[in-house]
Amino acid sequence: MTPNEEKIYELLASQSDKRKAFELIVKSYSQRLYWKIRCIVLSHDDANDVLQNTFLKAWTNLDSFQNKAKLLTWLYTIAINESLDFLRKNKNTFDADLSDDLSVAKQLMADDYFDGNQAQALLLQAVASLPDVQRTVFSLRYFDNMKYSDMSQVLNTSEGALKASYHIAVKKITDFLHLHE
């Protein structure tokens, strides 16, 4: 546990410094949550909006946080649910954006916040073509190297289902990349 995490848990336990605890949470976890959200919603502006909603929900529910799960797991759960809600609400727009072959890759290459190369952009295009749940599972496992047991807590599903989703996602991504070689 990092010193910041220890301080956060200490502040949360005292119940007297909720605002200080939350400020430290935002400072400590903003970047990690942003990139997790960004892998799901793809756009910088959308990721910022979802991150803001994530922190609003975390603030609202901070009193209900229990030490049964790690703080990061709790925040990931909120961020992923907010990301998936965002995608569901904007499904028609998102599907239209993906309908142009390689549009996500083109958008990423033009994005000031993306510092990858064409191969990375193509990988993210392949990931973007996955259904929401498969994209989320792939992102958590591939980019974050999250254990299936932790994913099971975050996504509230069985490890077996997560493993199946991940392997199906890998197959789809591999097929997509071979098609676009």
N, C-alpha and C. Protein backbone atom coordinates (compact mmCIF):
# COMPACT_ATOMS: atom_id res chain seq x y z
N MET A 1 0.85 -1.18 0.00
CA MET A 1 0.00 0.00 0.00
C MET A 1 0.90 1.24 0.00
N THR A 2 0.56 2.19 -0.86
CA THR A 2 1.35 3.42 -0.95
C THR A 2 1.04 4.33 0.23
N PRO A 3 1.93 5.30 0.50
CA PRO A 3 1.64 6.26 1.58
C PRO A 3 0.34 7.03 1.36
N ASN A 4 0.05 7.38 0.10
CA ASN A 4 -1.21 8.08 -0.20
C ASN A 4 -2.41 7.21 0.14
N GLU A 5 -2.33 5.93 -0.23
CA GLU A 5 -3.43 5.02 0.06
C GLU A 5 -3.63 4.88 1.57
N GLU A 6 -2.54 4.75 2.30
CA GLU A 6 -2.63 4.66 3.77
C GLU A 6 -3.30 5.90 4.34
N LYS A 7 -2.91 7.06 3.84
CA LYS A 7 -3.49 8.32 4.31
C LYS A 7 -4.98 8.39 3.99
N ILE A 8 -5.36 7.95 2.79
CA ILE A 8 -6.77 7.97 2.39
C ILE A 8 -7.58 7.09 3.33
N TYR A 9 -7.11 5.87 3.56
CA TYR A 9 -7.85 4.95 4.44
C TYR A 9 -7.94 5.52 5.86
N GLU A 10 -6.88 6.15 6.30
CA GLU A 10 -6.86 6.78 7.63
C GLU A 10 -7.90 7.90 7.70
N LEU A 11 -7.93 8.75 6.69
CA LEU A 11 -8.89 9.86 6.66
C LEU A 11 -10.33 9.34 6.55
N LEU A 12 -10.53 8.30 5.76
CA LEU A 12 -11.88 7.74 5.62
C LEU A 12 -12.34 7.10 6.92
N ALA A 13 -11.43 6.46 7.62
CA ALA A 13 -11.78 5.80 8.88
C ALA A 13 -12.18 6.81 9.94
N SER A 14 -11.56 7.98 9.92
CA SER A 14 -11.86 8.99 10.94
C SER A 14 -13.20 9.68 10.69
N GLN A 15 -13.70 9.61 9.46
CA GLN A 15 -14.97 10.24 9.07
C GLN A 15 -14.98 11.76 9.27
N SER A 16 -13.89 12.33 9.75
CA SER A 16 -13.88 13.77 9.99
C SER A 16 -13.30 14.56 8.82
N ASP A 17 -12.52 13.90 8.01
CA ASP A 17 -11.85 14.59 6.91
C ASP A 17 -12.23 14.02 5.55
N LYS A 18 -13.51 13.89 5.34
CA LYS A 18 -14.02 13.30 4.09
C LYS A 18 -13.53 14.09 2.87
N ARG A 19 -13.58 15.41 2.96
CA ARG A 19 -13.14 16.25 1.83
C ARG A 19 -11.66 16.05 1.54
N LYS A 20 -10.83 16.00 2.58
CA LYS A 20 -9.39 15.78 2.37
C LYS A 20 -9.14 14.41 1.77
N ALA A 21 -9.86 13.42 2.25
CA ALA A 21 -9.72 12.06 1.71
C ALA A 21 -10.07 12.06 0.23
N PHE A 22 -11.17 12.72 -0.12
CA PHE A 22 -11.60 12.73 -1.51
C PHE A 22 -10.61 13.49 -2.40
N GLU A 23 -10.08 14.59 -1.92
CA GLU A 23 -9.08 15.33 -2.69
C GLU A 23 -7.86 14.45 -2.97
N LEU A 24 -7.47 13.67 -1.98
CA LEU A 24 -6.33 12.77 -2.15
C LEU A 24 -6.68 11.63 -3.11
N ILE A 25 -7.91 11.17 -3.06
CA ILE A 25 -8.37 10.14 -4.01
C ILE A 25 -8.28 10.67 -5.44
N VAL A 26 -8.79 11.86 -5.65
CA VAL A 26 -8.76 12.45 -7.00
C VAL A 26 -7.32 12.61 -7.46
N LYS A 27 -6.47 13.13 -6.59
CA LYS A 27 -5.06 13.34 -6.93
C LYS A 27 -4.35 12.02 -7.23
N SER A 28 -4.65 11.00 -6.45
CA SER A 28 -3.95 9.72 -6.56
C SER A 28 -4.42 8.85 -7.72
N TYR A 29 -5.70 8.93 -8.06
CA TYR A 29 -6.26 7.97 -9.00
C TYR A 29 -6.76 8.56 -10.31
N SER A 30 -6.73 9.85 -10.49
CA SER A 30 -7.27 10.47 -11.72
C SER A 30 -6.65 9.91 -12.98
N GLN A 31 -5.35 9.86 -13.01
CA GLN A 31 -4.67 9.44 -14.24
C GLN A 31 -4.98 7.98 -14.57
N ARG A 32 -4.92 7.10 -13.59
CA ARG A 32 -5.21 5.68 -13.84
C ARG A 32 -6.65 5.48 -14.30
N LEU A 33 -7.57 6.16 -13.66
CA LEU A 33 -8.97 6.03 -14.04
C LEU A 33 -9.22 6.62 -15.42
N TYR A 34 -8.58 7.75 -15.70
CA TYR A 34 -8.74 8.37 -17.02
C TYR A 34 -8.36 7.38 -18.13
N TRP A 35 -7.20 6.75 -17.99
CA TRP A 35 -6.74 5.86 -19.05
C TRP A 35 -7.58 4.60 -19.12
N LYS A 36 -8.12 4.14 -18.01
CA LYS A 36 -9.03 2.99 -18.04
C LYS A 36 -10.29 3.37 -18.79
N ILE A 37 -10.83 4.53 -18.47
CA ILE A 37 -12.04 5.01 -19.14
C ILE A 37 -11.75 5.25 -20.62
N ARG A 38 -10.62 5.83 -20.92
CA ARG A 38 -10.25 6.15 -22.30
C ARG A 38 -10.17 4.89 -23.16
N CYS A 39 -9.69 3.79 -22.58
CA CYS A 39 -9.64 2.52 -23.33
C CYS A 39 -11.03 2.03 -23.68
N ILE A 40 -12.03 2.44 -22.92
CA ILE A 40 -13.39 1.98 -23.17
C ILE A 40 -14.15 2.94 -24.08
N VAL A 41 -14.08 4.25 -23.79
CA VAL A 41 -14.87 5.22 -24.58
C VAL A 41 -14.10 5.83 -25.73
N LEU A 42 -12.77 5.69 -25.72
CA LEU A 42 -11.85 6.07 -26.80
C LEU A 42 -11.56 7.56 -26.94
N SER A 43 -12.52 8.42 -26.82
CA SER A 43 -12.31 9.85 -27.06
C SER A 43 -11.84 10.56 -25.78
N HIS A 44 -10.90 11.48 -25.95
CA HIS A 44 -10.39 12.26 -24.82
C HIS A 44 -11.50 13.03 -24.12
N ASP A 45 -12.31 13.74 -24.88
CA ASP A 45 -13.38 14.55 -24.29
C ASP A 45 -14.40 13.68 -23.56
N ASP A 46 -14.77 12.56 -24.19
CA ASP A 46 -15.71 11.65 -23.54
C ASP A 46 -15.11 11.05 -22.28
N ALA A 47 -13.84 10.70 -22.33
CA ALA A 47 -13.17 10.13 -21.15
C ALA A 47 -13.16 11.13 -20.00
N ASN A 48 -12.92 12.40 -20.32
CA ASN A 48 -12.95 13.42 -19.27
C ASN A 48 -14.34 13.56 -18.66
N ASP A 49 -15.37 13.52 -19.50
CA ASP A 49 -16.75 13.60 -18.99
C ASP A 49 -17.08 12.41 -18.10
N VAL A 50 -16.70 11.22 -18.54
CA VAL A 50 -16.99 10.02 -17.76
C VAL A 50 -16.18 10.03 -16.46
N LEU A 51 -14.94 10.50 -16.52
CA LEU A 51 -14.12 10.60 -15.30
C LEU A 51 -14.78 11.53 -14.29
N GLN A 52 -15.28 12.66 -14.77
CA GLN A 52 -15.97 13.59 -13.88
C GLN A 52 -17.20 12.92 -13.26
N ASN A 53 -17.98 12.21 -14.05
CA ASN A 53 -19.14 11.49 -13.52
C ASN A 53 -18.72 10.41 -12.52
N THR A 54 -17.59 9.77 -12.79
CA THR A 54 -17.07 8.75 -11.88
C THR A 54 -16.76 9.37 -10.52
N PHE A 55 -16.09 10.49 -10.53
CA PHE A 55 -15.74 11.13 -9.25
C PHE A 55 -16.96 11.69 -8.55
N LEU A 56 -17.94 12.17 -9.31
CA LEU A 56 -19.19 12.63 -8.68
C LEU A 56 -19.89 11.47 -7.97
N LYS A 57 -19.94 10.35 -8.64
CA LYS A 57 -20.58 9.17 -8.04
C LYS A 57 -19.77 8.68 -6.84
N ALA A 58 -18.44 8.70 -6.95
CA ALA A 58 -17.59 8.28 -5.82
C ALA A 58 -17.81 9.21 -4.63
N TRP A 59 -17.87 10.51 -4.86
CA TRP A 59 -18.08 11.47 -3.78
C TRP A 59 -19.44 11.23 -3.11
N THR A 60 -20.45 11.05 -3.94
CA THR A 60 -21.81 10.82 -3.43
C THR A 60 -21.89 9.56 -2.58
N ASN A 61 -21.12 8.55 -2.96
CA ASN A 61 -21.19 7.25 -2.28
C ASN A 61 -20.00 6.97 -1.36
N LEU A 62 -19.21 7.97 -1.09
CA LEU A 62 -18.01 7.77 -0.28
C LEU A 62 -18.34 7.22 1.11
N ASP A 63 -19.45 7.64 1.68
CA ASP A 63 -19.83 7.14 3.00
C ASP A 63 -20.17 5.65 2.97
N SER A 64 -20.57 5.15 1.81
CA SER A 64 -20.93 3.74 1.73
C SER A 64 -19.74 2.85 1.39
N PHE A 65 -18.58 3.45 1.09
CA PHE A 65 -17.40 2.64 0.79
C PHE A 65 -17.01 1.85 2.04
N GLN A 66 -16.80 0.57 1.83
CA GLN A 66 -16.38 -0.30 2.93
C GLN A 66 -15.03 -0.88 2.57
N ASN A 67 -14.25 -1.18 3.56
CA ASN A 67 -12.92 -1.71 3.32
C ASN A 67 -12.92 -3.18 2.88
N LYS A 68 -14.05 -3.67 2.41
CA LYS A 68 -14.12 -5.06 1.94
C LYS A 68 -13.35 -5.22 0.64
N ALA A 69 -13.33 -4.19 -0.16
CA ALA A 69 -12.59 -4.19 -1.42
C ALA A 69 -11.54 -3.08 -1.36
N LYS A 70 -10.54 -3.19 -2.23
CA LYS A 70 -9.55 -2.12 -2.33
C LYS A 70 -10.23 -0.88 -2.89
N LEU A 71 -9.74 0.27 -2.50
CA LEU A 71 -10.29 1.52 -2.99
C LEU A 71 -10.21 1.59 -4.52
N LEU A 72 -9.09 1.16 -5.09
CA LEU A 72 -8.95 1.21 -6.54
C LEU A 72 -9.97 0.29 -7.21
N THR A 73 -10.23 -0.87 -6.63
CA THR A 73 -11.23 -1.78 -7.19
C THR A 73 -12.61 -1.12 -7.17
N TRP A 74 -12.93 -0.46 -6.07
CA TRP A 74 -14.20 0.25 -5.95
C TRP A 74 -14.29 1.36 -7.01
N LEU A 75 -13.23 2.12 -7.17
CA LEU A 75 -13.21 3.20 -8.16
C LEU A 75 -13.28 2.65 -9.58
N TYR A 76 -12.55 1.55 -9.85
CA TYR A 76 -12.62 0.92 -11.17
C TYR A 76 -14.05 0.48 -11.48
N THR A 77 -14.72 -0.08 -10.48
CA THR A 77 -16.10 -0.53 -10.67
C THR A 77 -16.98 0.64 -11.09
N ILE A 78 -16.84 1.74 -10.39
CA ILE A 78 -17.64 2.93 -10.73
C ILE A 78 -17.27 3.43 -12.13
N ALA A 79 -15.97 3.53 -12.41
CA ALA A 79 -15.51 4.05 -13.71
C ALA A 79 -15.97 3.17 -14.87
N ILE A 80 -15.87 1.87 -14.71
CA ILE A 80 -16.28 0.97 -15.79
C ILE A 80 -17.78 1.02 -15.98
N ASN A 81 -18.54 1.03 -14.89
CA ASN A 81 -19.99 1.13 -15.02
C ASN A 81 -20.40 2.45 -15.67
N GLU A 82 -19.75 3.53 -15.29
CA GLU A 82 -20.03 4.83 -15.92
C GLU A 82 -19.67 4.80 -17.40
N SER A 83 -18.56 4.17 -17.75
CA SER A 83 -18.13 4.06 -19.15
C SER A 83 -19.14 3.26 -19.96
N LEU A 84 -19.56 2.13 -19.42
CA LEU A 84 -20.52 1.30 -20.13
C LEU A 84 -21.87 2.00 -20.25
N ASP A 85 -22.28 2.72 -19.20
CA ASP A 85 -23.52 3.51 -19.28
C ASP A 85 -23.41 4.56 -20.37
N PHE A 86 -22.25 5.22 -20.43
CA PHE A 86 -22.02 6.23 -21.46
C PHE A 86 -22.16 5.61 -22.86
N LEU A 87 -21.54 4.44 -23.05
CA LEU A 87 -21.62 3.79 -24.36
C LEU A 87 -23.04 3.40 -24.70
N ARG A 88 -23.78 2.90 -23.72
CA ARG A 88 -25.18 2.52 -23.97
C ARG A 88 -26.01 3.74 -24.37
N LYS A 89 -25.80 4.86 -23.67
CA LYS A 89 -26.55 6.08 -23.96
C LYS A 89 -26.19 6.65 -25.33
N ASN A 90 -24.97 6.43 -25.76
CA ASN A 90 -24.48 7.00 -27.02
C ASN A 90 -24.23 5.94 -28.07
N LYS A 91 -24.90 4.82 -27.98
CA LYS A 91 -24.65 3.66 -28.85
C LYS A 91 -24.75 4.01 -30.33
N ASN A 92 -25.76 4.73 -30.72
CA ASN A 92 -25.93 5.06 -32.14
C ASN A 92 -24.78 5.91 -32.65
N THR A 93 -24.34 6.87 -31.87
CA THR A 93 -23.21 7.72 -32.26
C THR A 93 -21.93 6.91 -32.34
N PHE A 94 -21.71 6.06 -31.32
CA PHE A 94 -20.50 5.25 -31.28
C PHE A 94 -20.47 4.27 -32.45
N ASP A 95 -21.59 3.61 -32.72
CA ASP A 95 -21.65 2.68 -33.84
C ASP A 95 -21.41 3.38 -35.17
N ALA A 96 -21.92 4.59 -35.32
CA ALA A 96 -21.70 5.35 -36.55
C ALA A 96 -20.22 5.71 -36.70
N ASP A 97 -19.57 6.06 -35.59
CA ASP A 97 -18.14 6.37 -35.63
C ASP A 97 -17.32 5.17 -36.06
N LEU A 98 -17.73 3.98 -35.63
CA LEU A 98 -16.99 2.77 -35.96
C LEU A 98 -17.29 2.25 -37.36
N SER A 99 -18.39 2.72 -37.94
CA SER A 99 -18.78 2.19 -39.24
C SER A 99 -17.79 2.57 -40.34
N ASP A 100 -17.14 3.70 -40.21
CA ASP A 100 -16.10 4.08 -41.16
C ASP A 100 -14.87 3.24 -40.85
N ASP A 101 -14.46 2.39 -41.79
CA ASP A 101 -13.35 1.49 -41.56
C ASP A 101 -12.12 2.26 -41.10
N LEU A 102 -11.59 1.88 -39.97
CA LEU A 102 -10.38 2.44 -39.36
C LEU A 102 -10.55 3.88 -38.88
N SER A 103 -11.79 4.34 -38.65
CA SER A 103 -11.99 5.72 -38.21
C SER A 103 -11.38 5.96 -36.83
N VAL A 104 -11.45 4.98 -35.93
CA VAL A 104 -10.86 5.15 -34.60
C VAL A 104 -9.35 5.33 -34.72
N ALA A 105 -8.71 4.52 -35.56
CA ALA A 105 -7.27 4.65 -35.76
C ALA A 105 -6.92 6.03 -36.30
N LYS A 106 -7.71 6.51 -37.25
CA LYS A 106 -7.46 7.85 -37.82
C LYS A 106 -7.63 8.93 -36.76
N GLN A 107 -8.69 8.80 -35.95
CA GLN A 107 -8.93 9.79 -34.89
C GLN A 107 -7.79 9.79 -33.88
N LEU A 108 -7.32 8.59 -33.52
CA LEU A 108 -6.23 8.51 -32.55
C LEU A 108 -4.95 9.15 -33.08
N MET A 109 -4.65 8.90 -34.34
CA MET A 109 -3.43 9.47 -34.92
C MET A 109 -3.49 10.99 -34.96
N ALA A 110 -4.69 11.55 -35.03
CA ALA A 110 -4.86 13.00 -35.06
C ALA A 110 -5.01 13.60 -33.66
N ASP A 111 -5.14 12.77 -32.64
CA ASP A 111 -5.38 13.22 -31.27
C ASP A 111 -4.06 13.65 -30.61
N ASP A 112 -4.02 14.86 -30.08
CA ASP A 112 -2.82 15.36 -29.41
C ASP A 112 -2.43 14.53 -28.20
N TYR A 113 -3.39 13.83 -27.60
CA TYR A 113 -3.13 13.05 -26.39
C TYR A 113 -2.64 11.64 -26.69
N PHE A 114 -2.69 11.22 -27.94
CA PHE A 114 -2.25 9.88 -28.33
C PHE A 114 -0.81 9.97 -28.81
N ASP A 115 0.08 9.19 -28.17
CA ASP A 115 1.48 9.26 -28.56
C ASP A 115 1.99 7.93 -29.13
N GLY A 116 1.07 7.12 -29.66
CA GLY A 116 1.45 5.83 -30.21
C GLY A 116 1.71 5.90 -31.70
N ASN A 117 1.97 4.73 -32.27
CA ASN A 117 2.21 4.66 -33.71
C ASN A 117 1.00 4.04 -34.41
N GLN A 118 1.11 3.83 -35.70
CA GLN A 118 -0.01 3.31 -36.49
C GLN A 118 -0.43 1.91 -36.01
N ALA A 119 0.54 1.08 -35.63
CA ALA A 119 0.22 -0.28 -35.16
C ALA A 119 -0.60 -0.21 -33.86
N GLN A 120 -0.24 0.68 -32.97
CA GLN A 120 -1.00 0.83 -31.73
C GLN A 120 -2.40 1.37 -32.02
N ALA A 121 -2.49 2.29 -32.93
CA ALA A 121 -3.80 2.83 -33.31
C ALA A 121 -4.67 1.74 -33.93
N LEU A 122 -4.07 0.88 -34.75
CA LEU A 122 -4.82 -0.22 -35.36
C LEU A 122 -5.28 -1.21 -34.29
N LEU A 123 -4.43 -1.49 -33.29
CA LEU A 123 -4.83 -2.36 -32.19
C LEU A 123 -6.03 -1.76 -31.45
N LEU A 124 -5.97 -0.47 -31.17
CA LEU A 124 -7.09 0.18 -30.48
C LEU A 124 -8.34 0.20 -31.35
N GLN A 125 -8.18 0.29 -32.65
CA GLN A 125 -9.33 0.18 -33.57
C GLN A 125 -9.95 -1.21 -33.44
N ALA A 126 -9.10 -2.23 -33.38
CA ALA A 126 -9.59 -3.60 -33.24
C ALA A 126 -10.32 -3.77 -31.91
N VAL A 127 -9.75 -3.21 -30.86
CA VAL A 127 -10.38 -3.27 -29.54
C VAL A 127 -11.72 -2.53 -29.57
N ALA A 128 -11.76 -1.40 -30.24
CA ALA A 128 -12.99 -0.61 -30.32
C ALA A 128 -14.10 -1.36 -31.06
N SER A 129 -13.73 -2.27 -31.93
CA SER A 129 -14.73 -3.01 -32.69
C SER A 129 -15.40 -4.12 -31.88
N LEU A 130 -14.87 -4.39 -30.69
CA LEU A 130 -15.43 -5.43 -29.84
C LEU A 130 -16.73 -4.96 -29.17
N PRO A 131 -17.60 -5.90 -28.82
CA PRO A 131 -18.76 -5.53 -28.00
C PRO A 131 -18.28 -4.95 -26.66
N ASP A 132 -19.10 -4.14 -26.02
CA ASP A 132 -18.71 -3.41 -24.82
C ASP A 132 -18.06 -4.27 -23.75
N VAL A 133 -18.67 -5.39 -23.41
CA VAL A 133 -18.15 -6.23 -22.33
C VAL A 133 -16.82 -6.85 -22.72
N GLN A 134 -16.72 -7.36 -23.94
CA GLN A 134 -15.45 -7.94 -24.38
C GLN A 134 -14.35 -6.88 -24.42
N ARG A 135 -14.68 -5.67 -24.86
CA ARG A 135 -13.70 -4.59 -24.89
C ARG A 135 -13.22 -4.27 -23.48
N THR A 136 -14.14 -4.26 -22.53
CA THR A 136 -13.79 -3.95 -21.15
C THR A 136 -12.91 -5.05 -20.57
N VAL A 137 -13.30 -6.30 -20.77
CA VAL A 137 -12.52 -7.43 -20.24
C VAL A 137 -11.13 -7.45 -20.87
N PHE A 138 -11.07 -7.27 -22.19
CA PHE A 138 -9.77 -7.26 -22.86
C PHE A 138 -8.89 -6.14 -22.32
N SER A 139 -9.47 -4.97 -22.18
CA SER A 139 -8.72 -3.82 -21.70
C SER A 139 -8.17 -4.05 -20.30
N LEU A 140 -9.00 -4.57 -19.42
CA LEU A 140 -8.55 -4.82 -18.04
C LEU A 140 -7.43 -5.86 -18.00
N ARG A 141 -7.56 -6.89 -18.82
CA ARG A 141 -6.57 -7.96 -18.79
C ARG A 141 -5.30 -7.59 -19.55
N TYR A 142 -5.45 -7.07 -20.76
CA TYR A 142 -4.30 -6.81 -21.63
C TYR A 142 -3.54 -5.55 -21.21
N PHE A 143 -4.26 -4.45 -21.05
CA PHE A 143 -3.59 -3.19 -20.76
C PHE A 143 -3.24 -3.02 -19.28
N ASP A 144 -4.10 -3.54 -18.38
CA ASP A 144 -3.87 -3.36 -16.94
C ASP A 144 -3.33 -4.61 -16.26
N ASN A 145 -3.27 -5.73 -16.99
CA ASN A 145 -2.80 -6.99 -16.43
C ASN A 145 -3.55 -7.34 -15.14
N MET A 146 -4.84 -7.03 -15.12
CA MET A 146 -5.66 -7.29 -13.95
C MET A 146 -5.95 -8.79 -13.86
N LYS A 147 -5.89 -9.31 -12.66
CA LYS A 147 -6.20 -10.72 -12.42
C LYS A 147 -7.69 -10.96 -12.64
N TYR A 148 -8.01 -12.17 -13.06
CA TYR A 148 -9.41 -12.51 -13.28
C TYR A 148 -10.21 -12.41 -11.98
N SER A 149 -9.59 -12.73 -10.85
CA SER A 149 -10.30 -12.64 -9.57
C SER A 149 -10.68 -11.20 -9.26
N ASP A 150 -9.79 -10.25 -9.56
CA ASP A 150 -10.10 -8.83 -9.35
C ASP A 150 -11.15 -8.36 -10.35
N MET A 151 -11.03 -8.81 -11.60
CA MET A 151 -12.02 -8.45 -12.62
C MET A 151 -13.40 -8.96 -12.22
N SER A 152 -13.42 -10.14 -11.64
CA SER A 152 -14.68 -10.74 -11.21
C SER A 152 -15.39 -9.83 -10.21
N GLN A 153 -14.63 -9.22 -9.31
CA GLN A 153 -15.20 -8.29 -8.34
C GLN A 153 -15.69 -7.02 -9.03
N VAL A 154 -14.87 -6.49 -9.91
CA VAL A 154 -15.20 -5.23 -10.58
C VAL A 154 -16.43 -5.38 -11.48
N LEU A 155 -16.48 -6.48 -12.23
CA LEU A 155 -17.55 -6.66 -13.21
C LEU A 155 -18.70 -7.53 -12.71
N ASN A 156 -18.54 -8.04 -11.50
CA ASN A 156 -19.58 -8.85 -10.85
C ASN A 156 -20.02 -10.02 -11.72
N THR A 157 -19.02 -10.79 -12.17
CA THR A 157 -19.29 -11.98 -12.97
C THR A 157 -18.24 -13.05 -12.65
N SER A 158 -18.44 -14.25 -13.14
CA SER A 158 -17.53 -15.35 -12.80
C SER A 158 -16.22 -15.25 -13.56
N GLU A 159 -15.19 -15.83 -12.97
CA GLU A 159 -13.88 -15.85 -13.62
C GLU A 159 -13.94 -16.62 -14.93
N GLY A 160 -14.70 -17.70 -14.95
CA GLY A 160 -14.84 -18.50 -16.18
C GLY A 160 -15.43 -17.69 -17.32
N ALA A 161 -16.46 -16.92 -17.02
CA ALA A 161 -17.08 -16.07 -18.05
C ALA A 161 -16.09 -15.02 -18.55
N LEU A 162 -15.29 -14.48 -17.63
CA LEU A 162 -14.30 -13.47 -18.00
C LEU A 162 -13.22 -14.07 -18.90
N LYS A 163 -12.76 -15.26 -18.54
CA LYS A 163 -11.74 -15.93 -19.36
C LYS A 163 -12.27 -16.20 -20.76
N ALA A 164 -13.51 -16.65 -20.84
CA ALA A 164 -14.12 -16.91 -22.15
C ALA A 164 -14.23 -15.62 -22.96
N SER A 165 -14.69 -14.54 -22.32
CA SER A 165 -14.80 -13.25 -23.00
C SER A 165 -13.45 -12.76 -23.50
N TYR A 166 -12.42 -12.93 -22.67
CA TYR A 166 -11.09 -12.49 -23.05
C TYR A 166 -10.58 -13.26 -24.26
N HIS A 167 -10.73 -14.58 -24.24
CA HIS A 167 -10.21 -15.39 -25.35
C HIS A 167 -10.99 -15.15 -26.64
N ILE A 168 -12.27 -14.91 -26.54
CA ILE A 168 -13.06 -14.56 -27.73
C ILE A 168 -12.60 -13.20 -28.26
N ALA A 169 -12.35 -12.26 -27.35
CA ALA A 169 -11.88 -10.93 -27.76
C ALA A 169 -10.53 -11.03 -28.46
N VAL A 170 -9.63 -11.83 -27.91
CA VAL A 170 -8.30 -12.00 -28.53
C VAL A 170 -8.46 -12.56 -29.94
N LYS A 171 -9.32 -13.53 -30.11
CA LYS A 171 -9.56 -14.13 -31.43
C LYS A 171 -10.10 -13.08 -32.41
N LYS A 172 -11.06 -12.29 -31.96
CA LYS A 172 -11.63 -11.25 -32.83
C LYS A 172 -10.59 -10.20 -33.20
N ILE A 173 -9.78 -9.81 -32.23
CA ILE A 173 -8.73 -8.81 -32.48
C ILE A 173 -7.71 -9.37 -33.47
N THR A 174 -7.30 -10.62 -33.27
CA THR A 174 -6.34 -11.25 -34.17
C THR A 174 -6.90 -11.30 -35.59
N ASP A 175 -8.14 -11.71 -35.71
CA ASP A 175 -8.78 -11.75 -37.04
C ASP A 175 -8.83 -10.35 -37.67
N PHE A 176 -9.19 -9.35 -36.87
CA PHE A 176 -9.27 -7.97 -37.36
C PHE A 176 -7.89 -7.51 -37.86
N LEU A 177 -6.85 -7.78 -37.07
CA LEU A 177 -5.51 -7.33 -37.44
C LEU A 177 -5.01 -8.05 -38.70
N HIS A 178 -5.31 -9.33 -38.82
CA HIS A 178 -4.92 -10.06 -40.04
C HIS A 178 -5.65 -9.51 -41.26
N LEU A 179 -6.90 -9.13 -41.08
CA LEU A 179 -7.69 -8.58 -42.17
C LEU A 179 -7.14 -7.23 -42.64
N HIS A 180 -6.52 -6.48 -41.73
CA HIS A 180 -6.05 -5.13 -42.05
C HIS A 180 -4.53 -5.03 -42.17
N GLU A 181 -3.89 -6.16 -42.46
CA GLU A 181 -2.43 -6.14 -42.66
C GLU A 181 -2.05 -5.49 -43.95
